[in-house]
Structure formats: C-alpha cells, structure tokens
Amino acid sequence: MTNKPLIGVIACNREVEGEPAQTVKARYVEGVAQFADAIPVILPSLGRPEDAPDIVARLDAILLTGSASNIEPHHYGATAGRTPHDAPRDETAMALVRAAIAANVPVFGICRGLQEINVALGGTLDDQRDREAGDLSHHAIDGVPLDEMFSHYHPVDIAPGSRLSQVTGARSVQVNSVHYQSIARLGVGLEAEARAPDGVIEAVSSTRGGGVFAVQWHPEWRPRERAHDLAFWRHVGQTARDHAARRAGNRPVRAGS
C-alpha cells in the first residue's frame, strides 16, 4: 500500500449566500480524486503571494482550474480587459506557478489555468471577441445550458513528439471549447503543444522545474467520454506520484501498486 500524492487545486473568490467564499467546482476535485488517483487539497485564493513557497513545499503538484473570471489586463501589459476579474486569484495563481517551478513541483493548468501560467512566465493574452467575424468560434453562444456549452467542439493538431502526443498517443483530437481569452505571446520557456485550425494555442508545456503542462479545453468535463481527457488525468496523477516518490527518495510508484 502506498500513500496517494497530494495535488493542490486552486479556488476562486465567489459570493455564496451573500458573503465571500472560496469555491472550486466539484468536477475539478473529482478529476483529481477519481481519474488522477490522488488527493485534492483546495488552495484558497487569498492574494498572499508570500505564502506560495510554503504551500508548494507540501504538495506533489499544483492544478490551476478554469473559471468564469478573466486575468486583470495589467498583469500582461494591456490597458483594457473584460470583467469579471478575480484579483486575489491572479496574485495567488501566478505566485504558485513561480514558486512551484523554483521548487521543482509539477504545475498543471486548465483553461484559465493555462492563461495564468502563460502570464506568470511573461506571456500575453488576447480576446477571441476582438477577432473578425467568421473566425473559428472558441465558445458557444451565451446563455445556453451547460451540456450545450460543453458540446461546442473543434479539432486541434498536436505537435509531433510533444508531451501531449506522448500522453494521448494521438496526432489530433476533438476538444470542447469554452474560452474567450487565449494566448497571444507565449511565456518564457513555454512551447506550444497543440493548435486549433485558426492557430490558437490549445496546449503548452515546459521542462522548467518539475514540469509545466496545460490545456485550453476542459478535460474535467465528463472525461470518460474522451480517451484523450482520461489520458490527461492519468498523466497528472502519475506525474504527481513520481514527484512524491522523488521526495521520499524512492523509485516512482505506478497507479494501483
């Protein structure tokens, strides 16, 4: 019997029953628990970047989730950006990225999480709503039910020899597309792992620190329906187990061993 790795899952600042709350949608923590075979630890977004080194020192990986909020534009040198924003999450996420890389702790990102990683490493973002009409849509029309929103798909081409190609065993996949913001300029040390037909970067990686791996789509949404999303979660879990084993000075542990 082995101990499961601990994966920190970032929270968002939301209002619940009329007061501030730290929230994480269940599908993210269930992804960690069920499909990565790890223990999720919810990390509040308090906007205290000085705590980030102490946090990552206790964890085997960090997961930055998607969110309805957008990163405040001043973080990437822009003067205008669409609301809603979550300033404490911005500060917390970017501090966690930098601290995790410095401590050799793996970092994973989903949707907003990919964007946070990119901005933390000096990259910039743009907004799909500023594109010319007729360009590929990366989001369903506003106001549709969740099932319909997450049924909005497009293909992505995976870079040969990339980490994503090794994880999925595929050259292209169909992904759900639920985002307005996207990478404009890649952050320092990041590589594009996959692109949509219009050139939008859909996955990134880096070998810095414990390794960075992030996707623009939502693998936590009903992953049993898509082999490549199940593969994402298994990779998250195995990477965290390998990190836990290195911390313990042991050989890497396989799932279920």
Protein backbone atom coordinates (compact mmCIF):
# COMPACT_ATOMS: atom_id res chain seq x y z
CA MET A 1 0.00 0.00 0.00
CA THR A 2 1.29 3.45 -0.91
CA ASN A 3 0.30 6.97 0.03
CA LYS A 4 -1.55 8.90 -2.65
CA PRO A 5 0.05 12.15 -3.82
CA LEU A 6 -1.40 15.49 -2.76
CA ILE A 7 -2.47 17.85 -5.54
CA GLY A 8 -3.32 21.44 -4.68
CA VAL A 9 -6.39 22.73 -6.56
CA ILE A 10 -6.78 26.50 -6.66
CA ALA A 11 -10.06 28.09 -5.56
CA CYS A 12 -11.91 31.13 -6.90
CA ASN A 13 -13.41 34.04 -4.99
CA ARG A 14 -17.19 33.94 -5.30
CA GLU A 15 -20.18 35.13 -3.32
CA VAL A 16 -22.19 32.37 -1.63
CA GLU A 17 -25.34 33.16 0.35
CA GLY A 18 -24.47 36.83 0.40
CA GLU A 19 -20.89 36.57 1.67
CA PRO A 20 -17.42 35.97 0.22
CA ALA A 21 -16.43 32.34 -0.28
CA GLN A 22 -13.64 30.21 -1.71
CA THR A 23 -15.10 27.84 -4.31
CA VAL A 24 -13.95 25.02 -6.58
CA LYS A 25 -16.34 23.25 -8.93
CA ALA A 26 -16.70 19.61 -7.99
CA ARG A 27 -15.65 18.33 -11.39
CA TYR A 28 -12.08 19.53 -10.80
CA VAL A 29 -11.62 17.86 -7.44
CA GLU A 30 -13.37 14.76 -8.74
CA GLY A 31 -10.96 14.70 -11.67
CA VAL A 32 -8.05 14.64 -9.24
CA ALA A 33 -9.63 12.09 -6.91
CA GLN A 34 -11.24 9.72 -9.41
CA PHE A 35 -9.15 9.91 -12.54
CA ALA A 36 -5.71 11.02 -11.30
CA ASP A 37 -5.98 8.73 -8.24
CA ALA A 38 -4.67 11.50 -6.00
CA ILE A 39 -5.89 13.51 -3.02
CA PRO A 40 -7.14 17.02 -3.89
CA VAL A 41 -6.28 19.81 -1.46
CA ILE A 42 -8.20 23.03 -2.06
CA LEU A 43 -5.98 26.12 -2.05
CA PRO A 44 -7.76 29.40 -1.18
CA SER A 45 -7.00 32.39 -3.38
CA LEU A 46 -6.23 34.91 -0.65
CA GLY A 47 -3.87 37.08 -2.66
CA ARG A 48 -0.93 36.28 -0.37
CA PRO A 49 1.94 35.53 -2.78
CA GLU A 50 4.40 35.32 0.10
CA ASP A 51 2.76 32.04 1.18
CA ALA A 52 3.31 30.29 -2.16
CA PRO A 53 6.71 28.69 -1.35
CA ASP A 54 5.35 27.16 1.86
CA ILE A 55 2.30 25.84 0.02
CA VAL A 56 4.13 24.15 -2.85
CA ALA A 57 6.67 22.61 -0.45
CA ARG A 58 3.85 20.48 0.98
CA LEU A 59 2.38 19.31 -2.33
CA ASP A 60 3.18 16.91 -5.16
CA ALA A 61 1.56 19.02 -7.91
CA ILE A 62 -0.49 22.16 -8.48
CA LEU A 63 -3.66 22.32 -10.59
CA LEU A 64 -4.90 25.71 -11.80
CA THR A 65 -8.54 25.35 -12.83
CA GLY A 66 -10.80 27.09 -15.28
CA SER A 67 -13.00 29.94 -14.12
CA ALA A 68 -15.58 32.43 -15.37
CA SER A 69 -13.22 35.27 -14.40
CA ASN A 70 -10.52 36.80 -16.58
CA ILE A 71 -6.99 37.78 -15.60
CA GLU A 72 -6.69 41.51 -14.96
CA PRO A 73 -5.00 43.02 -18.04
CA HIS A 74 -2.30 44.94 -16.16
CA HIS A 75 -0.59 41.59 -15.47
CA TYR A 76 0.29 41.25 -19.16
CA GLY A 77 0.78 44.89 -20.12
CA ALA A 78 -2.70 45.59 -21.51
CA THR A 79 -4.85 48.57 -20.58
CA ALA A 80 -8.31 47.08 -21.10
CA GLY A 81 -9.90 43.75 -20.31
CA ARG A 82 -13.33 42.28 -19.88
CA THR A 83 -14.81 41.53 -16.47
CA PRO A 84 -15.39 39.63 -14.27
CA HIS A 85 -11.99 39.68 -12.60
CA ASP A 86 -10.63 37.88 -9.53
CA ALA A 87 -7.62 39.86 -8.38
CA PRO A 88 -6.73 37.64 -5.38
CA ARG A 89 -6.75 34.58 -7.61
CA ASP A 90 -4.47 36.33 -10.12
CA GLU A 91 -1.95 37.04 -7.36
CA THR A 92 -2.23 33.56 -5.86
CA ALA A 93 -2.01 31.63 -9.13
CA MET A 94 0.98 33.46 -10.53
CA ALA A 95 2.86 33.19 -7.26
CA LEU A 96 2.12 29.45 -7.16
CA VAL A 97 3.41 28.98 -10.71
CA ARG A 98 6.70 30.72 -9.98
CA ALA A 99 7.16 29.05 -6.59
CA ALA A 100 6.36 25.60 -8.00
CA ILE A 101 8.86 25.97 -10.83
CA ALA A 102 11.51 27.13 -8.36
CA ALA A 103 10.78 24.13 -6.11
CA ASN A 104 10.59 21.57 -8.95
CA VAL A 105 6.91 20.86 -8.27
CA PRO A 106 4.76 19.98 -11.34
CA VAL A 107 2.18 22.55 -12.47
CA PHE A 108 -0.94 21.73 -14.48
CA GLY A 109 -3.44 24.16 -15.96
CA ILE A 110 -6.92 24.02 -17.44
CA CYS A 111 -8.39 26.92 -19.45
CA ARG A 112 -7.83 29.97 -17.19
CA GLY A 113 -5.04 27.96 -15.61
CA LEU A 114 -3.19 27.77 -18.92
CA GLN A 115 -3.57 31.53 -19.28
CA GLU A 116 -2.29 32.12 -15.73
CA ILE A 117 0.79 30.01 -16.42
CA ASN A 118 1.45 31.93 -19.62
CA VAL A 119 1.11 35.33 -17.95
CA ALA A 120 3.16 34.28 -14.92
CA LEU A 121 6.01 33.48 -17.31
CA GLY A 122 5.82 36.79 -19.16
CA GLY A 123 3.34 35.94 -21.89
CA THR A 124 0.32 37.91 -23.07
CA LEU A 125 -3.34 37.23 -23.89
CA ASP A 126 -5.89 38.39 -26.40
CA ASP A 127 -9.68 38.04 -26.57
CA GLN A 128 -11.49 35.99 -29.19
CA ARG A 129 -14.34 38.53 -29.19
CA ASP A 130 -11.97 41.07 -30.76
CA ARG A 131 -11.42 38.89 -33.83
CA GLU A 132 -13.00 39.34 -37.24
CA ALA A 133 -16.42 37.79 -37.75
CA GLY A 134 -16.17 34.41 -39.42
CA ASP A 135 -13.10 33.27 -37.49
CA LEU A 136 -13.35 29.96 -35.67
CA SER A 137 -15.54 30.32 -32.58
CA HIS A 138 -13.96 29.09 -29.35
CA HIS A 139 -17.10 29.46 -27.25
CA ALA A 140 -20.76 28.56 -27.64
CA ILE A 141 -23.25 31.39 -27.78
CA ASP A 142 -24.00 32.97 -24.41
CA GLY A 143 -26.88 31.70 -22.32
CA VAL A 144 -27.02 28.08 -23.49
CA PRO A 145 -27.26 25.19 -20.98
CA LEU A 146 -24.02 23.60 -19.72
CA ASP A 147 -24.49 20.47 -21.83
CA GLU A 148 -24.73 22.56 -24.97
CA MET A 149 -21.85 24.84 -23.94
CA PHE A 150 -19.52 21.89 -23.39
CA SER A 151 -20.70 20.25 -26.61
CA HIS A 152 -19.08 23.09 -28.59
CA TYR A 153 -16.10 21.30 -30.18
CA HIS A 154 -13.32 21.89 -32.66
CA PRO A 155 -10.24 19.90 -33.69
CA VAL A 156 -6.70 20.55 -32.50
CA ASP A 157 -3.49 19.39 -34.14
CA ILE A 158 -0.91 18.01 -31.73
CA ALA A 159 2.78 18.72 -32.31
CA PRO A 160 4.69 15.53 -33.23
CA GLY A 161 6.97 14.34 -30.44
CA SER A 162 5.34 16.67 -27.92
CA ARG A 163 4.41 15.74 -24.39
CA LEU A 164 0.74 15.84 -25.37
CA SER A 165 1.34 13.43 -28.25
CA GLN A 166 3.06 11.04 -25.85
CA VAL A 167 0.26 11.36 -23.28
CA THR A 168 -2.60 10.87 -25.74
CA GLY A 169 -0.95 8.76 -28.46
CA ALA A 170 -2.78 10.97 -30.98
CA ARG A 171 -1.89 13.42 -33.73
CA SER A 172 -5.18 15.31 -33.48
CA VAL A 173 -8.20 15.29 -31.16
CA GLN A 174 -11.60 16.96 -30.87
CA VAL A 175 -11.78 19.21 -27.80
CA ASN A 176 -14.54 21.15 -26.11
CA SER A 177 -14.02 24.88 -26.46
CA VAL A 178 -15.28 27.15 -23.69
CA HIS A 179 -13.00 30.17 -23.66
CA TYR A 180 -12.82 33.74 -24.90
CA GLN A 181 -9.28 34.66 -23.92
CA SER A 182 -6.28 32.89 -25.44
CA ILE A 183 -2.51 33.11 -25.66
CA ALA A 184 -1.14 35.95 -27.80
CA ARG A 185 2.58 35.72 -26.96
CA LEU A 186 4.00 32.62 -25.32
CA GLY A 187 5.60 32.98 -21.91
CA VAL A 188 9.32 32.40 -21.44
CA GLY A 189 10.25 28.72 -21.63
CA LEU A 190 6.83 27.53 -22.84
CA GLU A 191 6.27 25.53 -26.02
CA ALA A 192 3.04 25.18 -27.97
CA GLU A 193 1.90 21.55 -27.86
CA ALA A 194 -1.31 21.87 -29.90
CA ARG A 195 -3.13 24.43 -32.03
CA ALA A 196 -6.65 24.94 -33.32
CA PRO A 197 -7.19 25.36 -37.09
CA ASP A 198 -7.06 29.16 -36.69
CA GLY A 199 -3.68 28.97 -34.95
CA VAL A 200 -4.87 29.50 -31.36
CA ILE A 201 -2.57 27.69 -28.94
CA GLU A 202 -4.53 24.93 -27.21
CA ALA A 203 -1.83 23.29 -25.03
CA VAL A 204 1.58 24.25 -23.65
CA SER A 205 4.41 22.58 -21.80
CA SER A 206 7.76 23.34 -20.27
CA THR A 207 10.51 21.27 -18.72
CA ARG A 208 11.32 24.04 -16.21
CA GLY A 209 11.21 22.97 -12.58
CA GLY A 210 9.04 19.92 -12.04
CA GLY A 211 7.42 20.48 -15.41
CA VAL A 212 4.51 22.54 -16.73
CA PHE A 213 1.61 21.08 -18.72
CA ALA A 214 -1.62 22.89 -19.52
CA VAL A 215 -4.55 22.72 -21.92
CA GLN A 216 -7.03 25.36 -23.06
CA TRP A 217 -10.01 22.99 -23.10
CA HIS A 218 -11.81 21.27 -20.21
CA PRO A 219 -10.69 17.66 -19.66
CA GLU A 220 -12.57 17.58 -16.35
CA TRP A 221 -15.95 17.70 -18.15
CA ARG A 222 -17.17 14.08 -18.38
CA PRO A 223 -13.71 12.67 -19.18
CA ARG A 224 -14.98 9.11 -19.52
CA GLU A 225 -16.42 10.18 -22.87
CA ARG A 226 -12.99 11.03 -24.39
CA ALA A 227 -9.85 8.93 -24.26
CA HIS A 228 -7.53 11.93 -24.53
CA ASP A 229 -9.10 13.59 -21.47
CA LEU A 230 -8.79 10.42 -19.40
CA ALA A 231 -5.15 10.30 -20.52
CA PHE A 232 -4.67 13.87 -19.29
CA TRP A 233 -5.83 12.94 -15.78
CA ARG A 234 -3.79 9.77 -15.65
CA HIS A 235 -0.74 11.80 -16.63
CA VAL A 236 -1.49 14.33 -13.87
CA GLY A 237 -1.70 11.52 -11.33
CA GLN A 238 1.42 9.70 -12.48
CA THR A 239 3.46 12.90 -12.58
CA ALA A 240 2.39 13.69 -9.01
CA ARG A 241 3.21 10.12 -7.89
CA ASP A 242 6.65 10.36 -9.48
CA HIS A 243 7.27 13.63 -7.67
CA ALA A 244 6.14 12.13 -4.36
CA ALA A 245 8.49 9.21 -4.88
CA ARG A 246 11.42 11.51 -5.61
CA ARG A 247 10.69 13.47 -2.45
CA ALA A 248 10.69 10.23 -0.49
CA GLY A 249 13.87 9.02 -2.17
CA ASN A 250 12.08 6.01 -3.64
CA ARG A 251 11.52 4.63 -7.10
CA PRO A 252 8.47 6.04 -8.97
CA VAL A 253 5.24 4.36 -7.92
CA ARG A 254 2.68 3.22 -10.50
CA ALA A 255 -1.05 3.69 -10.00
CA GLY A 256 -2.68 0.82 -8.13
CA SER A 257 0.62 -0.67 -6.92
